[in-house]
C-alpha atoms as a PDB file:
ATOM      1  CA  MET A   1      18.855  11.051 -15.245  1.00  0.00           C
ATOM      2  CA  PHE A   2      17.199   8.054 -13.405  1.00  0.00           C
ATOM      3  CA  LYS A   3      14.086   8.068 -15.763  1.00  0.00           C
ATOM      4  CA  GLU A   4      15.215   6.983 -19.166  1.00  0.00           C
ATOM      5  CA  GLU A   5      14.697   3.641 -20.568  1.00  0.00           C
ATOM      6  CA  ALA A   6      17.693   1.393 -20.089  1.00  0.00           C
ATOM      7  CA  SER A   7      19.802   0.132 -22.902  1.00  0.00           C
ATOM      8  CA  LYS A   8      19.227  -3.615 -24.335  1.00  0.00           C
ATOM      9  CA  GLU A   9      22.799  -4.289 -22.942  1.00  0.00           C
ATOM     10  CA  LEU A  10      22.302  -2.809 -19.635  1.00  0.00           C
ATOM     11  CA  ILE A  11      18.864  -4.825 -19.118  1.00  0.00           C
ATOM     12  CA  GLU A  12      20.459  -8.201 -20.221  1.00  0.00           C
ATOM     13  CA  LYS A  13      23.387  -7.462 -17.829  1.00  0.00           C
ATOM     14  CA  ALA A  14      20.911  -6.985 -15.072  1.00  0.00           C
ATOM     15  CA  ILE A  15      18.863 -10.099 -15.868  1.00  0.00           C
ATOM     16  CA  ASN A  16      21.633 -12.347 -16.011  1.00  0.00           C
ATOM     17  CA  ALA A  17      23.028 -10.855 -12.601  1.00  0.00           C
ATOM     18  CA  LEU A  18      19.549 -11.398 -10.932  1.00  0.00           C
ATOM     19  CA  GLY A  19      19.553 -14.990 -12.263  1.00  0.00           C
ATOM     20  CA  SER A  20      22.883 -15.709 -10.751  1.00  0.00           C
ATOM     21  CA  ASN A  21      21.620 -14.404  -7.322  1.00  0.00           C
ATOM     22  CA  ASN A  22      18.589 -16.773  -7.542  1.00  0.00           C
ATOM     23  CA  ILE A  23      16.195 -14.200  -8.606  1.00  0.00           C
ATOM     24  CA  LYS A  24      14.370 -15.082 -11.714  1.00  0.00           C
ATOM     25  CA  ALA A  25      13.894 -11.943 -14.050  1.00  0.00           C
ATOM     26  CA  ILE A  26      12.131 -11.565 -17.425  1.00  0.00           C
ATOM     27  CA  LEU A  27      11.823  -8.787 -19.782  1.00  0.00           C
ATOM     28  CA  VAL A  28       8.341  -7.592 -21.453  1.00  0.00           C
ATOM     29  CA  GLU A  29       7.705  -4.762 -23.728  1.00  0.00           C
ATOM     30  CA  THR A  30       4.514  -3.347 -22.573  1.00  0.00           C
ATOM     31  CA  LEU A  31       2.238  -2.777 -19.224  1.00  0.00           C
ATOM     32  CA  GLU A  32      -0.034  -5.298 -21.042  1.00  0.00           C
ATOM     33  CA  GLU A  33       2.486  -7.903 -20.925  1.00  0.00           C
ATOM     34  CA  ALA A  34       3.541  -7.194 -17.460  1.00  0.00           C
ATOM     35  CA  ARG A  35       0.023  -7.434 -16.223  1.00  0.00           C
ATOM     36  CA  ALA A  36      -0.588 -10.669 -18.076  1.00  0.00           C
ATOM     37  CA  LYS A  37       2.581 -12.373 -16.626  1.00  0.00           C
ATOM     38  CA  VAL A  38       1.264 -11.461 -13.018  1.00  0.00           C
ATOM     39  CA  VAL A  39      -1.943 -12.877 -13.601  1.00  0.00           C
ATOM     40  CA  SER A  40      -0.598 -16.117 -15.122  1.00  0.00           C
ATOM     41  CA  ALA A  41       1.825 -16.436 -12.028  1.00  0.00           C
ATOM     42  CA  ILE A  42      -0.760 -16.328  -9.299  1.00  0.00           C
ATOM     43  CA  PRO A  43      -3.670 -18.902  -8.860  1.00  0.00           C
ATOM     44  CA  LYS A  44      -7.151 -17.943  -9.020  1.00  0.00           C
ATOM     45  CA  GLY A  45      -8.249 -17.869  -5.184  1.00  0.00           C
ATOM     46  CA  ALA A  46      -4.768 -17.021  -3.835  1.00  0.00           C
ATOM     47  CA  GLU A  47      -4.123 -14.831  -1.196  1.00  0.00           C
ATOM     48  CA  VAL A  48      -2.301 -11.693  -2.419  1.00  0.00           C
ATOM     49  CA  MET A  49      -0.955  -8.361  -0.877  1.00  0.00           C
ATOM     50  CA  THR A  50      -0.488  -5.543  -3.463  1.00  0.00           C
ATOM     51  CA  MET A  51       2.015  -2.966  -2.067  1.00  0.00           C
ATOM     52  CA  VAL A  52       1.512   0.660  -3.034  1.00  0.00           C
ATOM     53  CA  SER A  53       2.943   0.898  -6.450  1.00  0.00           C
ATOM     54  CA  ALA A  54       2.678   3.568  -9.386  1.00  0.00           C
ATOM     55  CA  SER A  55       4.060   0.698 -11.539  1.00  0.00           C
ATOM     56  CA  LEU A  56       1.095  -1.739 -10.408  1.00  0.00           C
ATOM     57  CA  ASP A  57      -1.530   0.880 -10.945  1.00  0.00           C
ATOM     58  CA  GLU A  58      -0.182   2.130 -14.171  1.00  0.00           C
ATOM     59  CA  ALA A  59      -0.398  -1.509 -15.497  1.00  0.00           C
ATOM     60  CA  GLY A  60      -3.828  -2.080 -14.151  1.00  0.00           C
ATOM     61  CA  ILE A  61      -2.233  -4.836 -11.846  1.00  0.00           C
ATOM     62  CA  THR A  62      -3.711  -3.336  -8.506  1.00  0.00           C
ATOM     63  CA  GLU A  63      -7.302  -3.195  -9.994  1.00  0.00           C
ATOM     64  CA  VAL A  64      -7.206  -6.904 -11.201  1.00  0.00           C
ATOM     65  CA  LEU A  65      -5.782  -8.240  -7.942  1.00  0.00           C
ATOM     66  CA  ASP A  66      -7.805  -6.384  -5.477  1.00  0.00           C
ATOM     67  CA  ASN A  67     -11.110  -5.588  -7.214  1.00  0.00           C
ATOM     68  CA  SER A  68     -11.694  -8.515  -9.657  1.00  0.00           C
ATOM     69  CA  GLY A  69     -12.895 -10.913  -7.045  1.00  0.00           C
ATOM     70  CA  ASP A  70     -10.467 -13.637  -8.567  1.00  0.00           C
ATOM     71  CA  TYR A  71      -8.243 -13.143  -5.640  1.00  0.00           C
ATOM     72  CA  LYS A  72      -8.053 -13.132  -1.807  1.00  0.00           C
ATOM     73  CA  SER A  73      -7.004  -9.444  -1.619  1.00  0.00           C
ATOM     74  CA  ILE A  74      -5.164  -8.684   1.907  1.00  0.00           C
ATOM     75  CA  ARG A  75      -5.236  -4.995   1.021  1.00  0.00           C
ATOM     76  CA  THR A  76      -9.078  -4.967   0.624  1.00  0.00           C
ATOM     77  CA  GLN A  77      -9.453  -6.836   3.882  1.00  0.00           C
ATOM     78  CA  LEU A  78      -7.125  -4.101   5.313  1.00  0.00           C
ATOM     79  CA  TYR A  79      -9.268  -1.273   4.176  1.00  0.00           C
ATOM     80  CA  GLN A  80     -12.216  -2.893   6.134  1.00  0.00           C
ATOM     81  CA  LEU A  81     -10.495  -2.638   9.676  1.00  0.00           C
ATOM     82  CA  ASP A  82      -9.893   0.586  11.711  1.00  0.00           C
ATOM     83  CA  PRO A  83      -6.253   1.570  12.127  1.00  0.00           C
ATOM     84  CA  SER A  84      -7.146   3.159  15.476  1.00  0.00           C
ATOM     85  CA  LYS A  85      -8.179  -0.264  16.863  1.00  0.00           C
ATOM     86  CA  ASP A  86      -6.992  -2.885  14.557  1.00  0.00           C
ATOM     87  CA  THR A  87      -3.563  -2.072  14.411  1.00  0.00           C
ATOM     88  CA  HIS A  88      -2.167  -5.492  15.536  1.00  0.00           C
ATOM     89  CA  LYS A  89      -4.263  -7.298  13.354  1.00  0.00           C
ATOM     90  CA  MET A  90      -3.623  -5.171  10.469  1.00  0.00           C
ATOM     91  CA  ARG A  91       0.060  -5.698  10.853  1.00  0.00           C
ATOM     92  CA  LYS A  92      -0.422  -9.455  11.191  1.00  0.00           C
ATOM     93  CA  LEU A  93      -2.715  -9.691   8.235  1.00  0.00           C
ATOM     94  CA  ALA A  94      -0.328  -8.022   5.773  1.00  0.00           C
ATOM     95  CA  ALA A  95       2.953  -9.427   7.189  1.00  0.00           C
ATOM     96  CA  SER A  96       3.022 -12.924   5.590  1.00  0.00           C
ATOM     97  CA  PRO A  97       0.823 -13.296   2.546  1.00  0.00           C
ATOM     98  CA  ASP A  98       1.360 -16.233  -0.051  1.00  0.00           C
ATOM     99  CA  TYR A  99       1.883 -13.550  -2.834  1.00  0.00           C
ATOM    100  CA  VAL A 100       3.236  -9.969  -2.536  1.00  0.00           C
ATOM    101  CA  VAL A 101       3.152  -8.054  -5.535  1.00  0.00           C
ATOM    102  CA  GLY A 102       4.919  -4.753  -5.848  1.00  0.00           C
ATOM    103  CA  SER A 103       7.664  -2.748  -7.244  1.00  0.00           C
ATOM    104  CA  VAL A 104      11.388  -2.025  -6.310  1.00  0.00           C
ATOM    105  CA  ASN A 105      13.210   1.350  -6.099  1.00  0.00           C
ATOM    106  CA  ALA A 106      16.372   0.396  -7.900  1.00  0.00           C
ATOM    107  CA  ILE A 107      18.093  -2.690  -9.338  1.00  0.00           C
ATOM    108  CA  THR A 108      21.828  -2.671  -9.569  1.00  0.00           C
ATOM    109  CA  GLU A 109      23.946  -4.139 -12.710  1.00  0.00           C
ATOM    110  CA  ASP A 110      25.002  -6.924 -10.368  1.00  0.00           C
ATOM    111  CA  GLY A 111      21.583  -8.118  -9.625  1.00  0.00           C
ATOM    112  CA  LYS A 112      20.636  -6.364  -6.306  1.00  0.00           C
ATOM    113  CA  LEU A 113      17.408  -5.067  -5.419  1.00  0.00           C
ATOM    114  CA  LEU A 114      16.804  -1.971  -3.340  1.00  0.00           C
ATOM    115  CA  TRP A 115      13.800  -0.406  -1.484  1.00  0.00           C
ATOM    116  CA  ALA A 116      13.553   2.709   0.714  1.00  0.00           C
ATOM    117  CA  SER A 117      10.556   2.994   3.310  1.00  0.00           C
ATOM    118  CA  ALA A 118       9.297   5.453   5.514  1.00  0.00           C
ATOM    119  CA  THR A 119       7.581   2.883   7.843  1.00  0.00           C
ATOM    120  CA  GLY A 120       9.088  -0.308   6.621  1.00  0.00           C
ATOM    121  CA  SER A 121       5.477  -1.770   6.417  1.00  0.00           C
ATOM    122  CA  GLN A 122       6.364  -3.586   3.208  1.00  0.00           C
ATOM    123  CA  LEU A 123      10.004  -4.607   3.566  1.00  0.00           C
ATOM    124  CA  GLY A 124       9.415  -7.663   5.927  1.00  0.00           C
ATOM    125  CA  ALA A 125       7.189  -9.274   3.349  1.00  0.00           C
ATOM    126  CA  TYR A 126       9.817  -8.563   0.382  1.00  0.00           C
ATOM    127  CA  ALA A 127      12.691  -9.902   2.584  1.00  0.00           C
ATOM    128  CA  TYR A 128      11.196 -13.021   3.922  1.00  0.00           C
ATOM    129  CA  THR A 129       7.700 -13.512   5.232  1.00  0.00           C
ATOM    130  CA  ALA A 130       5.860 -13.612   1.658  1.00  0.00           C
ATOM    131  CA  GLY A 131       5.851 -16.817   0.177  1.00  0.00           C
ATOM    132  CA  LYS A 132       6.250 -15.493  -3.153  1.00  0.00           C
ATOM    133  CA  VAL A 133       7.408 -12.055  -4.566  1.00  0.00           C
ATOM    134  CA  ILE A 134       6.575 -10.784  -7.844  1.00  0.00           C
ATOM    135  CA  LEU A 135       8.054  -7.225  -8.880  1.00  0.00           C
ATOM    136  CA  VAL A 136       7.137  -5.010 -11.767  1.00  0.00           C
ATOM    137  CA  VAL A 137       9.584  -2.640 -12.480  1.00  0.00           C
ATOM    138  CA  GLY A 138      10.463  -0.130 -15.271  1.00  0.00           C
ATOM    139  CA  SER A 139      13.755  -0.478 -16.918  1.00  0.00           C
ATOM    140  CA  GLN A 140      14.711   3.099 -15.911  1.00  0.00           C
ATOM    141  CA  LYS A 141      15.282   1.793 -12.381  1.00  0.00           C
ATOM    142  CA  ILE A 142      18.190  -0.219 -13.373  1.00  0.00           C
ATOM    143  CA  VAL A 143      21.530   1.504 -12.107  1.00  0.00           C
ATOM    144  CA  LYS A 144      25.327   0.655 -12.143  1.00  0.00           C
ATOM    145  CA  ASP A 145      25.723  -0.046  -8.566  1.00  0.00           C
ATOM    146  CA  TYR A 146      24.805   0.330  -4.697  1.00  0.00           C
ATOM    147  CA  ASP A 147      25.950   3.917  -4.781  1.00  0.00           C
ATOM    148  CA  ALA A 148      23.832   4.957  -7.659  1.00  0.00           C
ATOM    149  CA  ALA A 149      20.902   3.246  -6.122  1.00  0.00           C
ATOM    150  CA  ILE A 150      21.284   5.188  -3.119  1.00  0.00           C
ATOM    151  CA  LYS A 151      21.591   8.204  -4.950  1.00  0.00           C
ATOM    152  CA  ARG A 152      18.526   7.426  -7.140  1.00  0.00           C
ATOM    153  CA  ILE A 153      16.491   6.813  -3.897  1.00  0.00           C
ATOM    154  CA  TYR A 154      17.382   9.946  -2.081  1.00  0.00           C
ATOM    155  CA  ASP A 155      17.915  12.501  -5.070  1.00  0.00           C
ATOM    156  CA  TYR A 156      15.049  11.267  -7.425  1.00  0.00           C
ATOM    157  CA  ILE A 157      12.648   9.199  -5.682  1.00  0.00           C
ATOM    158  CA  LEU A 158      12.302  10.790  -2.350  1.00  0.00           C
ATOM    159  CA  PRO A 159      11.208  14.231  -3.646  1.00  0.00           C
ATOM    160  CA  ILE A 160       8.547  12.478  -5.663  1.00  0.00           C
ATOM    161  CA  GLU A 161       7.285  10.124  -2.984  1.00  0.00           C
ATOM    162  CA  SER A 162       7.038  13.200  -0.501  1.00  0.00           C
ATOM    163  CA  GLU A 163       4.812  14.771  -2.841  1.00  0.00           C
ATOM    164  CA  ARG A 164       2.592  11.735  -3.223  1.00  0.00           C
ATOM    165  CA  ALA A 165       2.606  11.265   0.607  1.00  0.00           C
ATOM    166  CA  LYS A 166       1.258  14.775   1.158  1.00  0.00           C
ATOM    167  CA  LYS A 167      -1.509  14.136  -1.216  1.00  0.00           C
ATOM    168  CA  ALA A 168      -2.435  10.866  -0.130  1.00  0.00           C
ATOM    169  CA  TYR A 169      -1.889  10.880   3.684  1.00  0.00           C
ATOM    170  CA  GLY A 170      -1.968  14.564   4.527  1.00  0.00           C
ATOM    171  CA  VAL A 171       1.604  14.100   6.008  1.00  0.00           C
ATOM    172  CA  PRO A 172       4.558  17.045   5.728  1.00  0.00           C
ATOM    173  CA  GLY A 173       6.337  14.332   3.351  1.00  0.00           C
ATOM    174  CA  SER A 174       8.079  10.988   3.061  1.00  0.00           C
ATOM    175  CA  ALA A 175      11.314   9.872   4.560  1.00  0.00           C
ATOM    176  CA  VAL A 176      14.110   7.104   4.057  1.00  0.00           C
ATOM    177  CA  ASN A 177      13.747   5.921   7.584  1.00  0.00           C
ATOM    178  CA  LYS A 178      14.500   2.149   6.505  1.00  0.00           C
ATOM    179  CA  LEU A 179      16.341   0.447   3.887  1.00  0.00           C
ATOM    180  CA  LEU A 180      16.207  -3.127   2.368  1.00  0.00           C
ATOM    181  CA  SER A 181      18.736  -4.628   0.018  1.00  0.00           C
ATOM    182  CA  ILE A 182      18.295  -8.177  -1.448  1.00  0.00           C
ATOM    183  CA  ASN A 183      21.628  -9.300  -2.497  1.00  0.00           C
ATOM    184  CA  ALA A 184      20.435 -12.763  -3.442  1.00  0.00           C
ATOM    185  CA  GLU A 185      17.865 -15.209  -2.590  1.00  0.00           C
ATOM    186  CA  VAL A 186      18.107 -18.679  -0.862  1.00  0.00           C
ATOM    187  CA  ASP A 187      15.084 -20.130  -3.045  1.00  0.00           C
ATOM    188  CA  PRO A 188      15.289 -19.527  -6.722  1.00  0.00           C
ATOM    189  CA  GLU A 189      11.490 -19.939  -7.033  1.00  0.00           C
ATOM    190  CA  ARG A 190      10.707 -17.192  -4.545  1.00  0.00           C
ATOM    191  CA  ILE A 191      11.315 -13.924  -6.287  1.00  0.00           C
ATOM    192  CA  THR A 192      10.303 -13.058  -9.987  1.00  0.00           C
ATOM    193  CA  VAL A 193      11.049  -9.555 -11.270  1.00  0.00           C
ATOM    194  CA  ILE A 194       8.987  -8.605 -14.515  1.00  0.00           C
ATOM    195  CA  ILE A 195      11.109  -5.816 -16.054  1.00  0.00           C
ATOM    196  CA  VAL A 196       9.199  -3.468 -18.462  1.00  0.00           C
ATOM    197  CA  LYS A 197      11.171  -2.058 -21.181  1.00  0.00           C
ATOM    198  CA  LYS A 198       9.439   1.204 -21.327  1.00  0.00           C
ATOM    199  CA  PRO A 199       9.852   3.669 -18.100  1.00  0.00           C
ATOM    200  CA  THR A 200       7.050   2.700 -15.526  1.00  0.00           C
ATOM    201  CA  GLY A 201       6.289   4.226 -12.225  1.00  0.00           C
ATOM    202  CA  TYR A 202       9.044   6.300 -10.804  1.00  0.00           C
END
């Protein structure tokens, strides 16, 4: 449960619902296609913030956007700062990029996007402050409704993310401290969801 490839009918239903909510959604078959779509959507030299995402890593998108030299990588700039002294600068730098690229924890059949976060550091950009939002999402993240999305977050994602956080940051684990639900978008050109047919990320 929560990790199987979605059916063609479910994917089509979610894509149509997202469109009705002013969120552009497209289906690709492979990670290579997803990477090509992302690269084609972002002009060379543009300012980009990549969010921590297994989906982006698996697709090679993080490497292209942060390390190719073709884009102005906010994350690369953040790595050059000292969190103990530059917290204010880091927060402002990451808050409102021209482009933010990441993933999402769940998509509902009726076209809602849901995220959970321990710190909330990525949520503001998704909700409003980034100029453009591009999300790469495995079809296994499509669920029936809001309740199923919450269950996916707590029962499936949280244990996996806790293990990742322990290894990556040396913390006891992660937590669902903050939740974001985008039910619709005002600007139909702002958010693009690239759904990868095969399961991608978690």
